[in-house]
Structures are given as C-alpha cells and as structure tokens.
Amino acid sequence: MKFLIVIVVILGVAAIAQAVRVYELAKKLSKRREEDINVSDNNVNANLWILSLIAILVSFFYMVARYKDAMLPPSATEHGVDMDTLFAFNLYLVSAIFVIFNILLMVFAWRYRYRLGEKAFYYPHNDKLELIWTAIPAITMAIIIIYGLNVWWDVTGEELEEDALTVQLYSKQFDWTARYAGEDGQLGPSSFNFISGSNPLGIINTEVYDQVIADIDMQVAMEKESIANEILPDNVLEEKQDKIERLKRHKLRVLGFERENSNYTFGNDDIVMDKGVFYVPKGREVSFQINSRDVIHSAYIPHFRMQMNAVPGMTTSFKIKPTITTAEMRRELEDEEFDYILLCNKICGAAHYNMQMTVKVVEENEFQEWLSQQKTFVQPDAPEAEVVAEVTTGK
C-alpha cells in the first residue's frame, strides 16, 4: 500500500509538470505574452471577487450567530454592564465597517474591471471627499476614545464611596495574597525590605523594624565569627564576605525608614489572606490596590470584567461593586462547583498556569461574620514575641 501511494504521488507530480509544460507550449503557439490579460480572464477574476464576498459574509454572519453566546461570561459587577455595553458598541461598529467596506471593495473590483472600449476617468483630487473620509474616521475614533476613557475613569478613579472596602492584591511568582484594611480603613505601609515568611507583604511597624535590624546584626556577627574562627576555601570565604556586604546594604535601606511613624499603626489591624481564597461583599464598592514583588503580573477576574497589571515598584488600582453572589451565580449557571477566580493574565514564568485565587462574593452580613473571624497582623492580646514577625534578610 505504501509503495502504491508513493507511485501515485510521483505520477501526480509528473502529470502536473506535463500540464505546466503543455500550458507553456500553448502560450508560445498562440504568441501570447505572460503579462497579457484578456477580457475573459478579467471577467473570471471579477466574478471570483463576488463569490469571495458571498463566502466572507456568509462565514462572518454564521460565526456571529454560532458563537455570540460564547464570548463573555455573565457580568457580576455594576461596571461590568458598562464594559459589556462598550464592548458591544465597538464590536457592532467594527462589524458594520467590515461589512460595508468589504462590499464596496469587492463590488468596485467587479464593476470596474477592464472592458473593451472603456476608458478610466482621470479624477486626481476632490477636497470635499478628502474632508469627508478624514473627518468621519476622526469623529468616530474620538467617540470611541472618549466613551472608553469615561468607562476607564469609572473603574480606576480615586474617588470612593464612603463605605468602600480597600483590599490589596499582592502578586509574586506564583501566587496571590490579599490584604484587607482594618477598622481604621487604611492599609498600613509596607516594603520589600521587611518581607519574611510570616510577613509576606513586608508590613512595617516598630516591632518589625527593630526585629529586622537585630536580625541583620546577628547574621553579620555570625558570618564574621565564621570567617575569623574557621579555615575556609577561597570561594566560601568570598561568598561570606559578599553576604556581609549585602546585609550591610540591606541595613542601610532599612535605616532609611523612620523607626517611629504614626502611619505604622495602620498596619496593625490589617488582615492578610494567603490561603488561596478571599471574600468581598455584594453591593459594596471594593477598591483593589495591586502590587507585584518580582515581575509584571496581571490581576484578572473575568466575571468582574476586571484586568489590571501588577507592576513592580508601583501600585495600580481597580474598583468594582459586585452585584451577584457566588451562590446566586451557581444557581444562574446551574453549577454548584462554580467560583469566581482571580487569575494572572501575564505569562510570568513556568508555574503561571497555577497562579490563581478563589474569590467568594457573599452578602454583607456574611462578609462581616467572616471578617470578624480572621486574625489581624498584630493580635491585641498576644505577647510581643508573637507579634513580631520572623524576618529573613540578606537577600
């Protein structure tokens, strides 16, 4: 069978080669040049334009009808409705332009094909036409941009409702951490210089500040003692000396922060959620403050119509007001396992696919009950030894 297939392929190639040869000989006998196009060829090509137009339009409208319900999941936020309207406006506008201009392009190619005895009319310039096809796209683009910016300002503006909830979304390879402002309504200051295993966001207070300094001094002393009392290979000695220099630079960065700062108290009642799930209340504005520890990530919750880059060294923001609880969406979708998911929408490394966090939307009373059960960064009744986070330095 394989031998027969090979023979058929070889014979097919030979047949094509002979057909091309026959075509070339026929052209030579008819004394017709390669660049000569006759009226018959023109008519064939013109009719093919019309067939192409029909195929494109039929395919386009079929795809719209077939997949119109598979484009976006249901919106679960107030601004999501506005974004869907903006998306639909742009889609309808682009679709109308696509249909109209393809019809004009292909019908003109068909209508104004070469015919014997016809001569093209020389029409080099028309100010009115120039104005029309410049002004109409400009006005259309202005409408799209202004409309889009108004929606964008609604979800990124600094003005918040009086009872707005502030939540920090902190990204790193390859997970998310959520931090809630406590009763004072403000997130405490933080810095990567104070990050540790038990303080993943580097929240700063006086106890953490002192502990970081003490830990750096202890590590420097240990490395110096090791250098002084041990016989070390040159490469190990060099590594220890480099580590001491890194620790000193780290200490200088920490000393650049004020030890006593009234803003530090804001972080004591903050609630840090790093267990793969966090809650937001229905019907209440939520302001997300988005940060990254390492590379550019992107906070993406499809049902919230939310996507915002998390950029190292800066804070981006996005505000929403949920309108459908997780339980209500489960009933609407008839899926008891459904959950809203926070995803990373930037390819940020090998485990990017696994960087997600469950978002639970609940009623206000259920949210308050859940929030009251969470531990604050500083436990009011805890001994100081339990308040101060263990800090890893020298990185």
Protein backbone atom coordinates (compact mmCIF):
# COMPACT_ATOMS: atom_id res chain seq x y z
CA MET A 1 0.00 0.00 0.00
CA LYS A 2 2.81 2.41 0.89
CA PHE A 3 4.55 1.59 -2.39
CA LEU A 4 1.35 2.31 -4.34
CA ILE A 5 0.92 5.65 -2.55
CA VAL A 6 4.46 6.65 -3.45
CA ILE A 7 3.85 5.68 -7.10
CA VAL A 8 0.60 7.70 -7.20
CA VAL A 9 2.35 10.77 -5.73
CA ILE A 10 5.18 10.51 -8.27
CA LEU A 11 2.72 10.11 -11.16
CA GLY A 12 0.69 13.07 -9.86
CA VAL A 13 3.77 15.32 -9.75
CA ALA A 14 4.74 14.17 -13.24
CA ALA A 15 1.23 14.90 -14.53
CA ILE A 16 1.30 18.42 -13.07
CA ALA A 17 4.71 19.05 -14.61
CA GLN A 18 3.46 17.90 -18.02
CA ALA A 19 0.35 20.08 -17.71
CA VAL A 20 2.51 23.12 -16.99
CA ARG A 21 4.69 22.24 -19.97
CA VAL A 22 1.64 21.93 -22.23
CA TYR A 23 0.38 25.32 -20.98
CA GLU A 24 3.73 26.95 -21.77
CA LEU A 25 3.80 25.42 -25.26
CA ALA A 26 0.21 26.58 -25.91
CA LYS A 27 1.20 30.15 -24.98
CA LYS A 28 4.14 30.04 -27.34
CA LEU A 29 1.97 28.75 -30.19
CA SER A 30 -0.62 31.47 -29.57
CA LYS A 31 2.17 34.06 -29.33
CA ARG A 32 0.64 35.35 -26.07
CA ARG A 33 2.86 37.10 -23.50
CA GLU A 34 2.77 36.28 -19.78
CA GLU A 35 1.65 39.81 -18.90
CA ASP A 36 -1.19 39.88 -21.44
CA ILE A 37 -4.61 39.64 -19.75
CA ASN A 38 -7.65 39.22 -21.94
CA VAL A 39 -11.25 40.20 -21.26
CA SER A 40 -12.21 36.63 -20.45
CA ASP A 41 -9.59 36.41 -17.70
CA ASN A 42 -10.77 39.73 -16.29
CA ASN A 43 -14.38 38.54 -16.17
CA VAL A 44 -13.38 35.34 -14.39
CA ASN A 45 -11.41 37.24 -11.76
CA ALA A 46 -14.18 39.81 -11.30
CA ASN A 47 -16.76 37.09 -10.73
CA LEU A 48 -14.43 35.39 -8.26
CA TRP A 49 -14.45 38.65 -6.24
CA ILE A 50 -18.22 38.40 -5.92
CA LEU A 51 -18.01 34.74 -4.92
CA SER A 52 -15.38 35.66 -2.32
CA LEU A 53 -17.64 38.42 -0.96
CA ILE A 54 -20.54 35.99 -0.59
CA ALA A 55 -18.30 33.42 1.14
CA ILE A 56 -16.87 36.03 3.55
CA LEU A 57 -20.27 37.47 4.52
CA VAL A 58 -21.90 34.06 4.94
CA SER A 59 -18.98 32.87 7.10
CA PHE A 60 -19.00 36.07 9.15
CA PHE A 61 -22.70 36.01 9.99
CA TYR A 62 -22.59 32.28 10.66
CA MET A 63 -19.76 32.75 13.18
CA VAL A 64 -21.63 35.62 14.86
CA ALA A 65 -24.80 33.53 15.18
CA ARG A 66 -22.93 30.40 16.23
CA TYR A 67 -20.67 31.90 18.90
CA LYS A 68 -22.49 35.03 20.09
CA ASP A 69 -23.27 33.40 23.46
CA ALA A 70 -19.73 32.09 23.99
CA MET A 71 -17.79 35.34 24.01
CA LEU A 72 -18.02 36.62 27.60
CA PRO A 73 -19.25 35.03 30.84
CA PRO A 74 -22.10 36.77 32.72
CA SER A 75 -21.12 40.07 34.29
CA ALA A 76 -21.20 40.14 38.11
CA THR A 77 -20.36 43.81 38.77
CA GLU A 78 -22.01 47.17 38.18
CA HIS A 79 -19.26 48.48 35.93
CA GLY A 80 -19.26 45.14 34.07
CA VAL A 81 -22.56 46.13 32.46
CA ASP A 82 -20.98 49.37 31.22
CA MET A 83 -17.95 47.47 29.92
CA ASP A 84 -20.16 44.98 28.10
CA THR A 85 -22.04 47.87 26.50
CA LEU A 86 -18.74 49.47 25.46
CA PHE A 87 -17.54 46.14 24.07
CA ALA A 88 -20.80 45.65 22.13
CA PHE A 89 -20.65 49.23 20.79
CA ASN A 90 -17.13 48.72 19.47
CA LEU A 91 -17.96 45.27 18.09
CA TYR A 92 -21.06 46.48 16.24
CA LEU A 93 -19.20 49.49 14.86
CA VAL A 94 -16.24 47.45 13.64
CA SER A 95 -18.56 44.77 12.21
CA ALA A 96 -20.59 47.37 10.28
CA ILE A 97 -17.39 48.89 8.86
CA PHE A 98 -16.09 45.41 8.00
CA VAL A 99 -19.26 44.50 6.08
CA ILE A 100 -19.66 47.86 4.29
CA PHE A 101 -16.05 48.18 3.17
CA ASN A 102 -15.74 44.57 2.01
CA ILE A 103 -18.88 45.05 -0.07
CA LEU A 104 -17.52 48.29 -1.55
CA LEU A 105 -14.07 46.80 -2.16
CA MET A 106 -15.25 43.69 -3.98
CA VAL A 107 -18.21 45.21 -5.82
CA PHE A 108 -15.98 48.01 -7.13
CA ALA A 109 -13.42 45.41 -8.26
CA TRP A 110 -16.21 43.60 -10.11
CA ARG A 111 -17.96 46.67 -11.50
CA TYR A 112 -14.87 48.49 -12.73
CA ARG A 113 -12.97 45.59 -14.29
CA TYR A 114 -11.38 46.11 -17.67
CA ARG A 115 -13.76 46.03 -20.62
CA LEU A 116 -13.04 46.54 -24.29
CA GLY A 117 -13.80 50.05 -25.40
CA GLU A 118 -13.98 51.50 -21.85
CA LYS A 119 -11.53 54.05 -20.56
CA ALA A 120 -10.92 55.00 -16.93
CA PHE A 121 -11.88 58.54 -15.92
CA TYR A 122 -8.93 60.53 -14.56
CA TYR A 123 -10.05 62.02 -11.22
CA PRO A 124 -6.95 63.06 -9.24
CA HIS A 125 -8.37 65.20 -6.42
CA ASN A 126 -11.52 66.32 -4.60
CA ASP A 127 -11.35 68.48 -1.48
CA LYS A 128 -14.83 67.56 -0.31
CA LEU A 129 -14.13 63.81 -0.50
CA GLU A 130 -10.80 64.28 1.29
CA LEU A 131 -12.59 66.15 4.08
CA ILE A 132 -15.33 63.52 4.38
CA TRP A 133 -13.10 60.46 4.61
CA THR A 134 -10.77 62.25 7.03
CA ALA A 135 -13.45 63.77 9.27
CA ILE A 136 -15.67 60.69 9.61
CA PRO A 137 -12.90 58.35 10.91
CA ALA A 138 -11.59 61.14 13.18
CA ILE A 139 -15.03 61.75 14.72
CA THR A 140 -15.62 58.01 15.08
CA MET A 141 -12.28 57.50 16.83
CA ALA A 142 -12.96 60.47 19.13
CA ILE A 143 -16.31 58.96 20.16
CA ILE A 144 -14.73 55.56 20.84
CA ILE A 145 -11.83 57.04 22.85
CA ILE A 146 -13.99 59.41 24.93
CA TYR A 147 -16.54 56.67 25.62
CA GLY A 148 -13.79 54.24 26.60
CA LEU A 149 -12.00 56.75 28.81
CA ASN A 150 -15.22 57.54 30.71
CA VAL A 151 -15.67 53.83 31.50
CA TRP A 152 -11.97 53.53 32.39
CA TRP A 153 -12.11 56.50 34.78
CA ASP A 154 -15.13 54.95 36.49
CA VAL A 155 -13.12 51.85 37.45
CA THR A 156 -9.74 53.45 38.16
CA GLY A 157 -10.67 56.83 39.65
CA GLU A 158 -9.55 57.75 43.17
CA GLU A 159 -12.99 58.85 44.36
CA LEU A 160 -14.50 56.11 46.52
CA GLU A 161 -17.84 55.67 48.21
CA GLU A 162 -17.92 56.38 51.94
CA ASP A 163 -18.19 52.71 52.95
CA ALA A 164 -15.76 51.39 50.29
CA LEU A 165 -13.66 48.37 51.21
CA THR A 166 -9.91 48.54 50.45
CA VAL A 167 -8.15 45.30 49.51
CA GLN A 168 -4.54 44.89 48.43
CA LEU A 169 -3.80 42.18 45.85
CA TYR A 170 -0.13 41.28 46.14
CA SER A 171 1.35 39.09 43.42
CA LYS A 172 4.54 37.09 43.25
CA GLN A 173 5.71 34.01 41.41
CA PHE A 174 3.44 32.10 41.65
CA ASP A 175 0.58 33.06 43.97
CA TRP A 176 -1.59 35.90 45.25
CA THR A 177 -2.01 37.38 48.73
CA ALA A 178 -4.96 39.57 49.70
CA ARG A 179 -4.76 42.18 52.49
CA TYR A 180 -7.78 43.95 53.98
CA ALA A 181 -7.65 47.34 55.65
CA GLY A 182 -8.73 47.03 59.28
CA GLU A 183 -11.18 49.13 61.27
CA ASP A 184 -9.15 52.28 60.54
CA GLY A 185 -9.97 51.80 56.83
CA GLN A 186 -6.36 52.27 55.72
CA LEU A 187 -3.71 49.80 54.64
CA GLY A 188 -0.50 50.06 56.64
CA PRO A 189 2.76 50.92 54.84
CA SER A 190 4.90 48.07 53.57
CA SER A 191 8.23 47.49 51.85
CA PHE A 192 10.10 44.56 50.32
CA ASN A 193 12.89 45.28 52.82
CA PHE A 194 10.69 43.87 55.60
CA ILE A 195 9.39 40.75 53.81
CA SER A 196 9.70 37.41 55.61
CA GLY A 197 8.00 34.04 55.66
CA SER A 198 5.48 35.23 58.25
CA ASN A 199 5.28 38.77 56.85
CA PRO A 200 4.93 38.14 53.09
CA LEU A 201 3.86 41.70 52.31
CA GLY A 202 6.58 43.42 54.35
CA ILE A 203 4.11 45.32 56.56
CA ILE A 204 6.00 47.78 58.75
CA ASN A 205 5.59 48.60 62.42
CA THR A 206 8.09 49.48 65.16
CA GLU A 207 8.47 45.88 66.37
CA VAL A 208 9.13 44.57 62.87
CA TYR A 209 11.60 47.42 62.27
CA ASP A 210 13.60 46.55 65.40
CA GLN A 211 13.50 42.85 64.64
CA VAL A 212 14.87 43.38 61.12
CA ILE A 213 17.78 45.46 62.41
CA ALA A 214 18.52 42.91 65.15
CA ASP A 215 18.38 40.02 62.71
CA ILE A 216 20.75 41.73 60.26
CA ASP A 217 23.25 42.48 63.05
CA MET A 218 23.06 38.89 64.26
CA GLN A 219 23.70 37.46 60.78
CA VAL A 220 26.64 39.84 60.19
CA ALA A 221 28.15 38.83 63.54
CA MET A 222 27.75 35.11 62.73
CA GLU A 223 29.43 35.49 59.33
CA LYS A 224 32.31 37.49 60.79
CA GLU A 225 32.81 34.89 63.54
CA SER A 226 32.83 32.13 60.94
CA ILE A 227 35.48 33.97 58.89
CA ALA A 228 37.62 34.62 61.97
CA ASN A 229 37.49 31.14 63.51
CA GLU A 230 37.18 28.72 60.59
CA ILE A 231 39.54 27.64 57.84
CA LEU A 232 37.53 28.26 54.68
CA PRO A 233 38.19 27.68 50.98
CA ASP A 234 38.68 30.86 48.99
CA ASN A 235 35.32 30.57 47.22
CA VAL A 236 33.41 30.09 50.50
CA LEU A 237 35.29 32.98 52.09
CA GLU A 238 34.38 35.20 49.15
CA GLU A 239 30.71 34.19 49.41
CA LYS A 240 30.61 35.06 53.11
CA GLN A 241 32.23 38.43 52.52
CA ASP A 242 29.72 39.15 49.75
CA LYS A 243 26.88 38.19 52.08
CA ILE A 244 28.16 40.58 54.75
CA GLU A 245 28.19 43.41 52.20
CA ARG A 246 24.63 42.54 51.09
CA LEU A 247 23.47 42.57 54.70
CA LYS A 248 25.06 45.96 55.27
CA ARG A 249 23.34 47.38 52.20
CA HIS A 250 20.07 45.89 53.43
CA LYS A 251 20.54 47.56 56.82
CA LEU A 252 21.15 50.92 55.17
CA ARG A 253 17.90 50.56 53.23
CA VAL A 254 16.01 49.72 56.42
CA LEU A 255 17.57 52.65 58.27
CA GLY A 256 16.23 54.85 55.50
CA PHE A 257 12.75 54.30 57.00
CA GLU A 258 11.66 56.18 60.10
CA ARG A 259 11.55 53.98 63.17
CA GLU A 260 8.70 55.97 64.72
CA ASN A 261 5.94 56.76 62.24
CA SER A 262 2.27 57.30 63.05
CA ASN A 263 1.32 55.57 59.78
CA TYR A 264 2.79 52.28 61.05
CA THR A 265 -0.21 51.78 63.33
CA PHE A 266 -2.46 51.45 60.28
CA GLY A 267 -0.96 48.05 59.51
CA ASN A 268 -1.54 46.51 62.94
CA ASP A 269 -5.22 45.74 62.29
CA ASP A 270 -4.75 44.68 58.65
CA ILE A 271 -5.86 41.17 57.73
CA VAL A 272 -3.62 39.10 55.43
CA MET A 273 -5.16 36.25 53.42
CA ASP A 274 -2.69 33.90 51.72
CA LYS A 275 -4.74 30.68 51.84
CA GLY A 276 -5.97 30.72 48.25
CA VAL A 277 -9.34 32.38 48.93
CA PHE A 278 -10.66 35.80 49.90
CA TYR A 279 -14.13 37.32 50.32
CA VAL A 280 -15.82 40.51 49.07
CA PRO A 281 -19.34 41.76 49.90
CA LYS A 282 -22.16 42.13 47.40
CA GLY A 283 -23.42 45.65 46.77
CA ARG A 284 -20.42 47.42 48.32
CA GLU A 285 -17.63 49.17 46.46
CA VAL A 286 -14.28 47.39 46.64
CA SER A 287 -11.05 49.23 45.80
CA PHE A 288 -8.23 46.86 44.81
CA GLN A 289 -4.67 48.13 45.31
CA ILE A 290 -2.48 45.91 43.14
CA ASN A 291 1.26 45.27 43.63
CA SER A 292 3.96 42.88 42.46
CA ARG A 293 7.06 41.62 44.24
CA ASP A 294 9.01 40.35 41.24
CA VAL A 295 7.81 40.53 37.61
CA ILE A 296 4.79 42.01 35.84
CA HIS A 297 1.63 40.06 36.65
CA SER A 298 -1.98 40.89 35.80
CA ALA A 299 -4.98 40.69 38.15
CA TYR A 300 -7.77 39.22 36.02
CA ILE A 301 -11.26 38.23 37.18
CA PRO A 302 -13.36 37.58 34.04
CA HIS A 303 -16.81 37.75 35.68
CA PHE A 304 -15.88 41.07 37.31
CA ARG A 305 -14.69 42.49 33.95
CA MET A 306 -11.50 43.31 35.81
CA GLN A 307 -7.97 43.26 34.50
CA MET A 308 -5.11 45.39 35.78
CA ASN A 309 -1.35 44.92 35.53
CA ALA A 310 0.62 44.36 38.74
CA VAL A 311 3.88 46.24 38.19
CA PRO A 312 6.95 46.01 40.46
CA GLY A 313 7.70 49.27 42.21
CA MET A 314 4.28 50.87 41.78
CA THR A 315 0.65 50.50 42.84
CA THR A 316 -2.17 50.18 40.32
CA SER A 317 -5.84 50.25 41.27
CA PHE A 318 -9.21 48.98 40.15
CA LYS A 319 -12.60 49.35 41.83
CA ILE A 320 -15.69 47.21 41.48
CA LYS A 321 -19.11 46.75 43.05
CA PRO A 322 -20.23 43.09 42.95
CA THR A 323 -23.89 42.51 42.09
CA ILE A 324 -24.18 38.70 42.11
CA THR A 325 -23.04 36.48 44.98
CA THR A 326 -21.23 33.22 44.36
CA ALA A 327 -24.35 31.29 45.45
CA GLU A 328 -26.57 33.26 43.05
CA MET A 329 -24.17 32.72 40.16
CA ARG A 330 -24.11 29.00 40.89
CA ARG A 331 -27.89 28.90 40.59
CA GLU A 332 -27.84 31.01 37.42
CA LEU A 333 -25.25 28.75 35.77
CA GLU A 334 -26.66 25.58 37.34
CA ASP A 335 -23.16 24.71 38.51
CA GLU A 336 -22.72 24.01 42.22
CA GLU A 337 -18.93 23.95 41.89
CA PHE A 338 -18.62 27.40 40.30
CA ASP A 339 -16.37 30.02 41.91
CA TYR A 340 -15.09 33.41 40.83
CA ILE A 341 -11.36 33.10 40.16
CA LEU A 342 -8.56 35.66 40.33
CA LEU A 343 -6.05 34.73 37.62
CA CYS A 344 -2.74 36.07 36.38
CA ASN A 345 -3.18 37.18 32.78
CA LYS A 346 0.52 37.67 32.07
CA ILE A 347 2.82 34.76 31.22
CA CYS A 348 5.03 35.29 34.27
CA GLY A 349 7.03 32.06 34.43
CA ALA A 350 6.93 28.28 34.50
CA ALA A 351 4.06 27.99 37.03
CA HIS A 352 1.97 30.84 35.56
CA TYR A 353 -0.89 28.43 34.88
CA ASN A 354 -1.22 27.70 38.60
CA MET A 355 -1.34 31.33 39.78
CA GLN A 356 -4.94 31.76 40.87
CA MET A 357 -7.04 32.59 43.91
CA THR A 358 -10.72 31.91 44.65
CA VAL A 359 -12.95 34.95 45.20
CA LYS A 360 -16.12 34.48 47.25
CA VAL A 361 -18.85 37.09 46.82
CA VAL A 362 -21.27 37.00 49.77
CA GLU A 363 -23.92 39.15 51.40
CA GLU A 364 -22.72 41.96 53.67
CA ASN A 365 -23.69 40.22 56.93
CA GLU A 366 -21.93 37.02 55.91
CA PHE A 367 -18.85 39.02 54.91
CA GLN A 368 -18.74 40.80 58.28
CA GLU A 369 -19.08 37.49 60.08
CA TRP A 370 -16.22 36.01 58.05
CA LEU A 371 -14.04 39.09 58.52
CA SER A 372 -14.52 39.04 62.30
CA GLN A 373 -13.09 35.52 62.43
CA GLN A 374 -9.81 36.46 60.71
CA LYS A 375 -6.61 37.30 62.57
CA THR A 376 -5.13 40.77 62.31
CA PHE A 377 -1.45 41.36 61.60
CA VAL A 378 -0.94 42.26 65.27
CA GLN A 379 -3.04 40.36 67.79
CA PRO A 380 -4.07 42.83 70.55
CA ASP A 381 -3.75 40.29 73.37
CA ALA A 382 -0.72 38.42 72.05
CA PRO A 383 2.71 38.66 73.73
CA GLU A 384 5.21 40.83 71.88
CA ALA A 385 7.19 37.73 70.89
CA GLU A 386 4.21 36.53 68.89
CA VAL A 387 3.54 39.94 67.39
CA VAL A 388 6.96 40.41 65.82
CA ALA A 389 7.37 38.52 62.59
CA GLU A 390 10.47 36.44 61.99
CA VAL A 391 12.40 38.27 59.30
CA THR A 392 14.70 36.72 56.72
CA THR A 393 17.32 39.15 55.50
CA GLY A 394 20.39 39.28 53.33
CA LYS A 395 18.59 38.75 50.04
